[in-house]
Amino acid sequence: MKAKDIRTMSPEEMGSKIKELERELSLEYSTKSSAGGKSRNHGKIRTIRKTIARMNTYIRANQLGILAKKEAKPAAKPAAKPVAKAPKQAKSN
């Protein structure tokens, strides 16, 4: 789950999603152990653990008041166009 999606969730939604992910993680670990240490989806355990950590971090930051709700950003300035350099003239001897 992306951080952008996590930011839009309420703390209650995050709590229920964390419990769901922990159940899924437990299932993945049991599948891995019953399969002799091999899992069909190798990165899934890591992804689930990182998502849980991201959610817990966001919840804690909200409790501490570190993360404030982001306000709408002003429109970005247009990028300056690069100035073309004049071609170099050949040196005469």
PDB file of N, CA and C in Angstrom:
ATOM      1  N   MET A   1       0.847  -1.170   0.000  1.00  0.00           N
ATOM      2  CA  MET A   1       0.000   0.000   0.000  1.00  0.00           C
ATOM      3  C   MET A   1       0.892   1.233   0.000  1.00  0.00           C
ATOM      4  N   LYS A   2       0.555   2.191  -0.782  1.00  0.00           N
ATOM      5  CA  LYS A   2       1.346   3.404  -0.939  1.00  0.00           C
ATOM      6  C   LYS A   2       1.107   4.360   0.231  1.00  0.00           C
ATOM      7  N   ALA A   3       2.097   5.184   0.513  1.00  0.00           N
ATOM      8  CA  ALA A   3       1.994   6.148   1.604  1.00  0.00           C
ATOM      9  C   ALA A   3       0.853   7.134   1.348  1.00  0.00           C
ATOM     10  N   LYS A   4       0.629   7.461   0.088  1.00  0.00           N
ATOM     11  CA  LYS A   4      -0.456   8.380  -0.269  1.00  0.00           C
ATOM     12  C   LYS A   4      -1.806   7.798   0.160  1.00  0.00           C
ATOM     13  N   ASP A   5      -1.986   6.493  -0.043  1.00  0.00           N
ATOM     14  CA  ASP A   5      -3.231   5.838   0.357  1.00  0.00           C
ATOM     15  C   ASP A   5      -3.372   5.793   1.874  1.00  0.00           C
ATOM     16  N   ILE A   6      -2.263   5.596   2.561  1.00  0.00           N
ATOM     17  CA  ILE A   6      -2.290   5.516   4.023  1.00  0.00           C
ATOM     18  C   ILE A   6      -2.661   6.872   4.617  1.00  0.00           C
ATOM     19  N   ARG A   7      -2.147   7.959   4.040  1.00  0.00           N
ATOM     20  CA  ARG A   7      -2.436   9.297   4.562  1.00  0.00           C
ATOM     21  C   ARG A   7      -3.915   9.637   4.501  1.00  0.00           C
ATOM     22  N   THR A   8      -4.641   9.051   3.548  1.00  0.00           N
ATOM     23  CA  THR A   8      -6.058   9.378   3.405  1.00  0.00           C
ATOM     24  C   THR A   8      -6.943   8.588   4.366  1.00  0.00           C
ATOM     25  N   MET A   9      -6.371   7.577   5.022  1.00  0.00           N
ATOM     26  CA  MET A   9      -7.156   6.733   5.925  1.00  0.00           C
ATOM     27  C   MET A   9      -7.258   7.363   7.318  1.00  0.00           C
ATOM     28  N   SER A  10      -8.351   7.073   8.008  1.00  0.00           N
ATOM     29  CA  SER A  10      -8.493   7.518   9.395  1.00  0.00           C
ATOM     30  C   SER A  10      -7.748   6.527  10.292  1.00  0.00           C
ATOM     31  N   PRO A  11      -7.428   6.929  11.518  1.00  0.00           N
ATOM     32  CA  PRO A  11      -6.730   6.011  12.431  1.00  0.00           C
ATOM     33  C   PRO A  11      -7.509   4.718  12.694  1.00  0.00           C
ATOM     34  N   GLU A  12      -8.825   4.788  12.714  1.00  0.00           N
ATOM     35  CA  GLU A  12      -9.637   3.581  12.932  1.00  0.00           C
ATOM     36  C   GLU A  12      -9.506   2.626  11.750  1.00  0.00           C
ATOM     37  N   GLU A  13      -9.533   3.206  10.542  1.00  0.00           N
ATOM     38  CA  GLU A  13      -9.363   2.381   9.343  1.00  0.00           C
ATOM     39  C   GLU A  13      -7.979   1.743   9.324  1.00  0.00           C
ATOM     40  N   MET A  14      -6.987   2.518   9.744  1.00  0.00           N
ATOM     41  CA  MET A  14      -5.623   1.983   9.783  1.00  0.00           C
ATOM     42  C   MET A  14      -5.517   0.829  10.769  1.00  0.00           C
ATOM     43  N   GLY A  15      -6.163   0.977  11.916  1.00  0.00           N
ATOM     44  CA  GLY A  15      -6.129  -0.083  12.921  1.00  0.00           C
ATOM     45  C   GLY A  15      -6.737  -1.372  12.396  1.00  0.00           C
ATOM     46  N   SER A  16      -7.869  -1.271  11.719  1.00  0.00           N
ATOM     47  CA  SER A  16      -8.500  -2.479  11.174  1.00  0.00           C
ATOM     48  C   SER A  16      -7.677  -3.062  10.028  1.00  0.00           C
ATOM     49  N   LYS A  17      -7.065  -2.198   9.230  1.00  0.00           N
ATOM     50  CA  LYS A  17      -6.219  -2.673   8.123  1.00  0.00           C
ATOM     51  C   LYS A  17      -4.961  -3.355   8.661  1.00  0.00           C
ATOM     52  N   ILE A  18      -4.406  -2.831   9.756  1.00  0.00           N
ATOM     53  CA  ILE A  18      -3.230  -3.453  10.368  1.00  0.00           C
ATOM     54  C   ILE A  18      -3.566  -4.858  10.852  1.00  0.00           C
ATOM     55  N   LYS A  19      -4.721  -5.010  11.498  1.00  0.00           N
ATOM     56  CA  LYS A  19      -5.130  -6.341  11.962  1.00  0.00           C
ATOM     57  C   LYS A  19      -5.301  -7.303  10.790  1.00  0.00           C
ATOM     58  N   GLU A  20      -5.882  -6.817   9.713  1.00  0.00           N
ATOM     59  CA  GLU A  20      -6.059  -7.641   8.515  1.00  0.00           C
ATOM     60  C   GLU A  20      -4.697  -8.050   7.933  1.00  0.00           C
ATOM     61  N   LEU A  21      -3.777  -7.101   7.866  1.00  0.00           N
ATOM     62  CA  LEU A  21      -2.454  -7.395   7.338  1.00  0.00           C
ATOM     63  C   LEU A  21      -1.677  -8.349   8.239  1.00  0.00           C
ATOM     64  N   GLU A  22      -1.859  -8.233   9.553  1.00  0.00           N
ATOM     65  CA  GLU A  22      -1.193  -9.155  10.478  1.00  0.00           C
ATOM     66  C   GLU A  22      -1.711 -10.579  10.293  1.00  0.00           C
ATOM     67  N   ARG A  23      -3.014 -10.718  10.050  1.00  0.00           N
ATOM     68  CA  ARG A  23      -3.569 -12.050   9.771  1.00  0.00           C
ATOM     69  C   ARG A  23      -2.981 -12.612   8.480  1.00  0.00           C
ATOM     70  N   GLU A  24      -2.878 -11.756   7.469  1.00  0.00           N
ATOM     71  CA  GLU A  24      -2.320 -12.171   6.191  1.00  0.00           C
ATOM     72  C   GLU A  24      -0.841 -12.549   6.339  1.00  0.00           C
ATOM     73  N   LEU A  25      -0.114 -11.791   7.149  1.00  0.00           N
ATOM     74  CA  LEU A  25       1.293 -12.079   7.400  1.00  0.00           C
ATOM     75  C   LEU A  25       1.450 -13.410   8.118  1.00  0.00           C
ATOM     76  N   SER A  26       0.601 -13.668   9.081  1.00  0.00           N
ATOM     77  CA  SER A  26       0.622 -14.941   9.792  1.00  0.00           C
ATOM     78  C   SER A  26       0.368 -16.097   8.838  1.00  0.00           C
ATOM     79  N   LEU A  27      -0.571 -15.904   7.932  1.00  0.00           N
ATOM     80  CA  LEU A  27      -0.876 -16.923   6.936  1.00  0.00           C
ATOM     81  C   LEU A  27       0.319 -17.163   6.017  1.00  0.00           C
ATOM     82  N   GLU A  28       0.990 -16.099   5.612  1.00  0.00           N
ATOM     83  CA  GLU A  28       2.166 -16.236   4.755  1.00  0.00           C
ATOM     84  C   GLU A  28       3.287 -16.985   5.476  1.00  0.00           C
ATOM     85  N   TYR A  29       3.492 -16.662   6.762  1.00  0.00           N
ATOM     86  CA  TYR A  29       4.530 -17.364   7.521  1.00  0.00           C
ATOM     87  C   TYR A  29       4.205 -18.854   7.653  1.00  0.00           C
ATOM     88  N   SER A  30       2.927 -19.173   7.896  1.00  0.00           N
ATOM     89  CA  SER A  30       2.562 -20.589   8.039  1.00  0.00           C
ATOM     90  C   SER A  30       2.691 -21.315   6.707  1.00  0.00           C
ATOM     91  N   THR A  31       2.374 -20.644   5.623  1.00  0.00           N
ATOM     92  CA  THR A  31       2.531 -21.238   4.294  1.00  0.00           C
ATOM     93  C   THR A  31       4.001 -21.485   4.008  1.00  0.00           C
ATOM     94  N   LYS A  32       4.831 -20.523   4.393  1.00  0.00           N
ATOM     95  CA  LYS A  32       6.265 -20.637   4.162  1.00  0.00           C
ATOM     96  C   LYS A  32       6.847 -21.804   4.965  1.00  0.00           C
ATOM     97  N   SER A  33       6.422 -21.943   6.223  1.00  0.00           N
ATOM     98  CA  SER A  33       6.974 -23.013   7.055  1.00  0.00           C
ATOM     99  C   SER A  33       6.473 -24.387   6.614  1.00  0.00           C
ATOM    100  N   SER A  34       5.245 -24.460   6.148  1.00  0.00           N
ATOM    101  CA  SER A  34       4.718 -25.753   5.712  1.00  0.00           C
ATOM    102  C   SER A  34       5.280 -26.163   4.355  1.00  0.00           C
ATOM    103  N   ALA A  35       5.777 -25.192   3.601  1.00  0.00           N
ATOM    104  CA  ALA A  35       6.331 -25.492   2.281  1.00  0.00           C
ATOM    105  C   ALA A  35       7.837 -25.746   2.356  1.00  0.00           C
ATOM    106  N   GLY A  36       8.345 -25.933   3.533  1.00  0.00           N
ATOM    107  CA  GLY A  36       9.763 -26.214   3.677  1.00  0.00           C
ATOM    108  C   GLY A  36      10.636 -24.990   3.503  1.00  0.00           C
ATOM    109  N   GLY A  37      10.135 -23.814   3.889  1.00  0.00           N
ATOM    110  CA  GLY A  37      10.926 -22.592   3.801  1.00  0.00           C
ATOM    111  C   GLY A  37      10.822 -21.884   2.474  1.00  0.00           C
ATOM    112  N   LYS A  38      10.012 -22.384   1.571  1.00  0.00           N
ATOM    113  CA  LYS A  38       9.855 -21.741   0.267  1.00  0.00           C
ATOM    114  C   LYS A  38       8.456 -21.148   0.169  1.00  0.00           C
ATOM    115  N   SER A  39       8.399 -19.968  -0.368  1.00  0.00           N
ATOM    116  CA  SER A  39       7.127 -19.286  -0.546  1.00  0.00           C
ATOM    117  C   SER A  39       6.918 -19.022  -2.023  1.00  0.00           C
ATOM    118  N   ARG A  40       5.673 -19.025  -2.443  1.00  0.00           N
ATOM    119  CA  ARG A  40       5.395 -18.758  -3.857  1.00  0.00           C
ATOM    120  C   ARG A  40       5.679 -17.302  -4.196  1.00  0.00           C
ATOM    121  N   ASN A  41       5.358 -16.422  -3.278  1.00  0.00           N
ATOM    122  CA  ASN A  41       5.566 -15.000  -3.508  1.00  0.00           C
ATOM    123  C   ASN A  41       6.609 -14.505  -2.514  1.00  0.00           C
ATOM    124  N   HIS A  42       7.841 -14.409  -2.968  1.00  0.00           N
ATOM    125  CA  HIS A  42       8.953 -14.138  -2.075  1.00  0.00           C
ATOM    126  C   HIS A  42       8.905 -12.756  -1.420  1.00  0.00           C
ATOM    127  N   GLY A  43       8.456 -11.751  -2.124  1.00  0.00           N
ATOM    128  CA  GLY A  43       8.480 -10.394  -1.595  1.00  0.00           C
ATOM    129  C   GLY A  43       7.251 -10.008  -0.811  1.00  0.00           C
ATOM    130  N   LYS A  44       6.269 -10.871  -0.740  1.00  0.00           N
ATOM    131  CA  LYS A  44       5.002 -10.511  -0.107  1.00  0.00           C
ATOM    132  C   LYS A  44       5.160 -10.281   1.395  1.00  0.00           C
ATOM    133  N   ILE A  45       5.943 -11.117   2.068  1.00  0.00           N
ATOM    134  CA  ILE A  45       6.131 -10.969   3.511  1.00  0.00           C
ATOM    135  C   ILE A  45       6.782  -9.623   3.802  1.00  0.00           C
ATOM    136  N   ARG A  46       7.805  -9.299   3.046  1.00  0.00           N
ATOM    137  CA  ARG A  46       8.505  -8.035   3.239  1.00  0.00           C
ATOM    138  C   ARG A  46       7.574  -6.849   2.992  1.00  0.00           C
ATOM    139  N   THR A  47       6.773  -6.925   1.939  1.00  0.00           N
ATOM    140  CA  THR A  47       5.841  -5.845   1.609  1.00  0.00           C
ATOM    141  C   THR A  47       4.809  -5.649   2.715  1.00  0.00           C
ATOM    142  N   ILE A  48       4.293  -6.747   3.235  1.00  0.00           N
ATOM    143  CA  ILE A  48       3.285  -6.659   4.304  1.00  0.00           C
ATOM    144  C   ILE A  48       3.900  -6.037   5.548  1.00  0.00           C
ATOM    145  N   ARG A  49       5.094  -6.474   5.908  1.00  0.00           N
ATOM    146  CA  ARG A  49       5.756  -5.939   7.102  1.00  0.00           C
ATOM    147  C   ARG A  49       6.026  -4.438   6.954  1.00  0.00           C
ATOM    148  N   LYS A  50       6.456  -4.018   5.777  1.00  0.00           N
ATOM    149  CA  LYS A  50       6.723  -2.600   5.553  1.00  0.00           C
ATOM    150  C   LYS A  50       5.439  -1.769   5.612  1.00  0.00           C
ATOM    151  N   THR A  51       4.354  -2.316   5.084  1.00  0.00           N
ATOM    152  CA  THR A  51       3.081  -1.597   5.111  1.00  0.00           C
ATOM    153  C   THR A  51       2.601  -1.425   6.543  1.00  0.00           C
ATOM    154  N   ILE A  52       2.716  -2.471   7.349  1.00  0.00           N
ATOM    155  CA  ILE A  52       2.324  -2.390   8.762  1.00  0.00           C
ATOM    156  C   ILE A  52       3.177  -1.334   9.468  1.00  0.00           C
ATOM    157  N   ALA A  53       4.476  -1.349   9.221  1.00  0.00           N
ATOM    158  CA  ALA A  53       5.373  -0.371   9.850  1.00  0.00           C
ATOM    159  C   ALA A  53       5.031   1.047   9.420  1.00  0.00           C
ATOM    160  N   ARG A  54       4.714   1.230   8.135  1.00  0.00           N
ATOM    161  CA  ARG A  54       4.336   2.551   7.627  1.00  0.00           C
ATOM    162  C   ARG A  54       3.087   3.063   8.340  1.00  0.00           C
ATOM    163  N   MET A  55       2.106   2.195   8.504  1.00  0.00           N
ATOM    164  CA  MET A  55       0.860   2.597   9.165  1.00  0.00           C
ATOM    165  C   MET A  55       1.100   2.929  10.633  1.00  0.00           C
ATOM    166  N   ASN A  56       1.875   2.085  11.317  1.00  0.00           N
ATOM    167  CA  ASN A  56       2.169   2.354  12.728  1.00  0.00           C
ATOM    168  C   ASN A  56       2.932   3.658  12.894  1.00  0.00           C
ATOM    169  N   THR A  57       3.847   3.943  11.986  1.00  0.00           N
ATOM    170  CA  THR A  57       4.606   5.186  12.029  1.00  0.00           C
ATOM    171  C   THR A  57       3.690   6.381  11.833  1.00  0.00           C
ATOM    172  N   TYR A  58       2.779   6.276  10.893  1.00  0.00           N
ATOM    173  CA  TYR A  58       1.862   7.381  10.623  1.00  0.00           C
ATOM    174  C   TYR A  58       0.927   7.611  11.813  1.00  0.00           C
ATOM    175  N   ILE A  59       0.437   6.537  12.418  1.00  0.00           N
ATOM    176  CA  ILE A  59      -0.439   6.669  13.584  1.00  0.00           C
ATOM    177  C   ILE A  59       0.303   7.355  14.718  1.00  0.00           C
ATOM    178  N   ARG A  60       1.542   6.925  14.979  1.00  0.00           N
ATOM    179  CA  ARG A  60       2.331   7.501  16.068  1.00  0.00           C
ATOM    180  C   ARG A  60       2.659   8.966  15.797  1.00  0.00           C
ATOM    181  N   ALA A  61       2.986   9.298  14.569  1.00  0.00           N
ATOM    182  CA  ALA A  61       3.289  10.688  14.224  1.00  0.00           C
ATOM    183  C   ALA A  61       2.069  11.574  14.434  1.00  0.00           C
ATOM    184  N   ASN A  62       0.894  11.066  14.131  1.00  0.00           N
ATOM    185  CA  ASN A  62      -0.329  11.832  14.372  1.00  0.00           C
ATOM    186  C   ASN A  62      -0.547  12.034  15.860  1.00  0.00           C
ATOM    187  N   GLN A  63      -0.270  11.011  16.674  1.00  0.00           N
ATOM    188  CA  GLN A  63      -0.432  11.127  18.119  1.00  0.00           C
ATOM    189  C   GLN A  63       0.504  12.184  18.691  1.00  0.00           C
ATOM    190  N   LEU A  64       1.716  12.254  18.163  1.00  0.00           N
ATOM    191  CA  LEU A  64       2.699  13.219  18.644  1.00  0.00           C
ATOM    192  C   LEU A  64       2.508  14.600  18.034  1.00  0.00           C
ATOM    193  N   GLY A  65       1.670  14.697  17.013  1.00  0.00           N
ATOM    194  CA  GLY A  65       1.421  15.972  16.360  1.00  0.00           C
ATOM    195  C   GLY A  65       2.531  16.378  15.404  1.00  0.00           C
ATOM    196  N   ILE A  66       3.320  15.407  14.971  1.00  0.00           N
ATOM    197  CA  ILE A  66       4.417  15.700  14.058  1.00  0.00           C
ATOM    198  C   ILE A  66       3.892  15.977  12.658  1.00  0.00           C
ATOM    199  N   LEU A  67       2.961  15.172  12.220  1.00  0.00           N
ATOM    200  CA  LEU A  67       2.399  15.338  10.880  1.00  0.00           C
ATOM    201  C   LEU A  67       1.160  16.199  10.959  1.00  0.00           C
ATOM    202  N   ALA A  68       1.193  17.291  10.263  1.00  0.00           N
ATOM    203  CA  ALA A  68       0.020  18.148  10.178  1.00  0.00           C
ATOM    204  C   ALA A  68      -0.671  17.850   8.863  1.00  0.00           C
ATOM    205  N   LYS A  69      -1.931  18.125   8.814  1.00  0.00           N
ATOM    206  CA  LYS A  69      -2.653  17.948   7.559  1.00  0.00           C
ATOM    207  C   LYS A  69      -2.068  18.900   6.537  1.00  0.00           C
ATOM    208  N   LYS A  70      -1.742  18.370   5.378  1.00  0.00           N
ATOM    209  CA  LYS A  70      -1.144  19.197   4.338  1.00  0.00           C
ATOM    210  C   LYS A  70      -2.219  20.046   3.682  1.00  0.00           C
ATOM    211  N   GLU A  71      -1.873  21.312   3.513  1.00  0.00           N
ATOM    212  CA  GLU A  71      -2.787  22.216   2.827  1.00  0.00           C
ATOM    213  C   GLU A  71      -2.505  22.146   1.341  1.00  0.00           C
ATOM    214  N   ALA A  72      -3.419  22.674   0.579  1.00  0.00           N
ATOM    215  CA  ALA A  72      -3.244  22.658  -0.873  1.00  0.00           C
ATOM    216  C   ALA A  72      -1.989  23.441  -1.237  1.00  0.00           C
ATOM    217  N   LYS A  73      -1.197  22.850  -2.091  1.00  0.00           N
ATOM    218  CA  LYS A  73       0.040  23.497  -2.516  1.00  0.00           C
ATOM    219  C   LYS A  73      -0.281  24.547  -3.572  1.00  0.00           C
ATOM    220  N   PRO A  74       0.439  25.669  -3.560  1.00  0.00           N
ATOM    221  CA  PRO A  74       0.231  26.657  -4.628  1.00  0.00           C
ATOM    222  C   PRO A  74       0.724  26.089  -5.952  1.00  0.00           C
ATOM    223  N   ALA A  75       0.222  26.640  -7.005  1.00  0.00           N
ATOM    224  CA  ALA A  75       0.606  26.155  -8.334  1.00  0.00           C
ATOM    225  C   ALA A  75       2.109  26.312  -8.524  1.00  0.00           C
ATOM    226  N   ALA A  76       2.697  25.326  -9.125  1.00  0.00           N
ATOM    227  CA  ALA A  76       4.145  25.348  -9.344  1.00  0.00           C
ATOM    228  C   ALA A  76       4.496  26.366 -10.420  1.00  0.00           C
ATOM    229  N   LYS A  77       5.663  26.971 -10.262  1.00  0.00           N
ATOM    230  CA  LYS A  77       6.126  27.930 -11.257  1.00  0.00           C
ATOM    231  C   LYS A  77       6.553  27.172 -12.502  1.00  0.00           C
ATOM    232  N   PRO A  78       6.301  27.740 -13.651  1.00  0.00           N
ATOM    233  CA  PRO A  78       6.756  27.052 -14.866  1.00  0.00           C
ATOM    234  C   PRO A  78       8.274  27.028 -14.907  1.00  0.00           C
ATOM    235  N   ALA A  79       8.820  25.952 -15.430  1.00  0.00           N
ATOM    236  CA  ALA A  79      10.272  25.810 -15.510  1.00  0.00           C
ATOM    237  C   ALA A  79      10.835  26.789 -16.528  1.00  0.00           C
ATOM    238  N   ALA A  80      11.981  27.344 -16.190  1.00  0.00           N
ATOM    239  CA  ALA A  80      12.637  28.281 -17.102  1.00  0.00           C
ATOM    240  C   ALA A  80      13.184  27.520 -18.293  1.00  0.00           C
ATOM    241  N   LYS A  81      13.023  28.110 -19.459  1.00  0.00           N
ATOM    242  CA  LYS A  81      13.523  27.453 -20.660  1.00  0.00           C
ATOM    243  C   LYS A  81      15.028  27.669 -20.743  1.00  0.00           C
ATOM    244  N   PRO A  82      15.771  26.628 -21.087  1.00  0.00           N
ATOM    245  CA  PRO A  82      17.223  26.800 -21.190  1.00  0.00           C
ATOM    246  C   PRO A  82      17.558  27.715 -22.369  1.00  0.00           C
ATOM    247  N   VAL A  83      18.544  28.555 -22.161  1.00  0.00           N
ATOM    248  CA  VAL A  83      18.974  29.491 -23.189  1.00  0.00           C
ATOM    249  C   VAL A  83      19.963  28.780 -24.095  1.00  0.00           C
ATOM    250  N   ALA A  84      19.733  28.862 -25.390  1.00  0.00           N
ATOM    251  CA  ALA A  84      20.633  28.203 -26.343  1.00  0.00           C
ATOM    252  C   ALA A  84      21.926  28.991 -26.425  1.00  0.00           C
ATOM    253  N   LYS A  85      23.040  28.271 -26.384  1.00  0.00           N
ATOM    254  CA  LYS A  85      24.343  28.918 -26.465  1.00  0.00           C
ATOM    255  C   LYS A  85      24.686  29.160 -27.928  1.00  0.00           C
ATOM    256  N   ALA A  86      25.413  30.239 -28.157  1.00  0.00           N
ATOM    257  CA  ALA A  86      25.857  30.559 -29.517  1.00  0.00           C
ATOM    258  C   ALA A  86      26.927  29.536 -29.911  1.00  0.00           C
ATOM    259  N   PRO A  87      26.948  29.103 -31.154  1.00  0.00           N
ATOM    260  CA  PRO A  87      27.964  28.135 -31.568  1.00  0.00           C
ATOM    261  C   PRO A  87      29.355  28.758 -31.482  1.00  0.00           C
ATOM    262  N   LYS A  88      30.318  27.913 -31.111  1.00  0.00           N
ATOM    263  CA  LYS A  88      31.693  28.402 -30.988  1.00  0.00           C
ATOM    264  C   LYS A  88      32.277  28.643 -32.361  1.00  0.00           C
ATOM    265  N   GLN A  89      33.029  29.728 -32.456  1.00  0.00           N
ATOM    266  CA  GLN A  89      33.674  30.055 -33.718  1.00  0.00           C
ATOM    267  C   GLN A  89      35.033  29.380 -33.783  1.00  0.00           C
ATOM    268  N   ALA A  90      35.425  28.988 -34.949  1.00  0.00           N
ATOM    269  CA  ALA A  90      36.727  28.357 -35.133  1.00  0.00           C
ATOM    270  C   ALA A  90      37.813  29.393 -34.923  1.00  0.00           C
ATOM    271  N   LYS A  91      38.869  28.986 -34.244  1.00  0.00           N
ATOM    272  CA  LYS A  91      39.994  29.884 -34.003  1.00  0.00           C
ATOM    273  C   LYS A  91      40.849  29.990 -35.264  1.00  0.00           C
ATOM    274  N   SER A  92      41.245  31.194 -35.588  1.00  0.00           N
ATOM    275  CA  SER A  92      42.121  31.370 -36.744  1.00  0.00           C
ATOM    276  C   SER A  92      43.528  31.658 -36.244  1.00  0.00           C
ATOM    277  N   ASN A  93      44.497  31.073 -36.893  1.00  0.00           N
ATOM    278  CA  ASN A  93      45.902  31.255 -36.508  1.00  0.00           C
ATOM    279  C   ASN A  93      46.561  32.282 -37.318  1.00  0.00           C
TER     280      ASN A  93
END
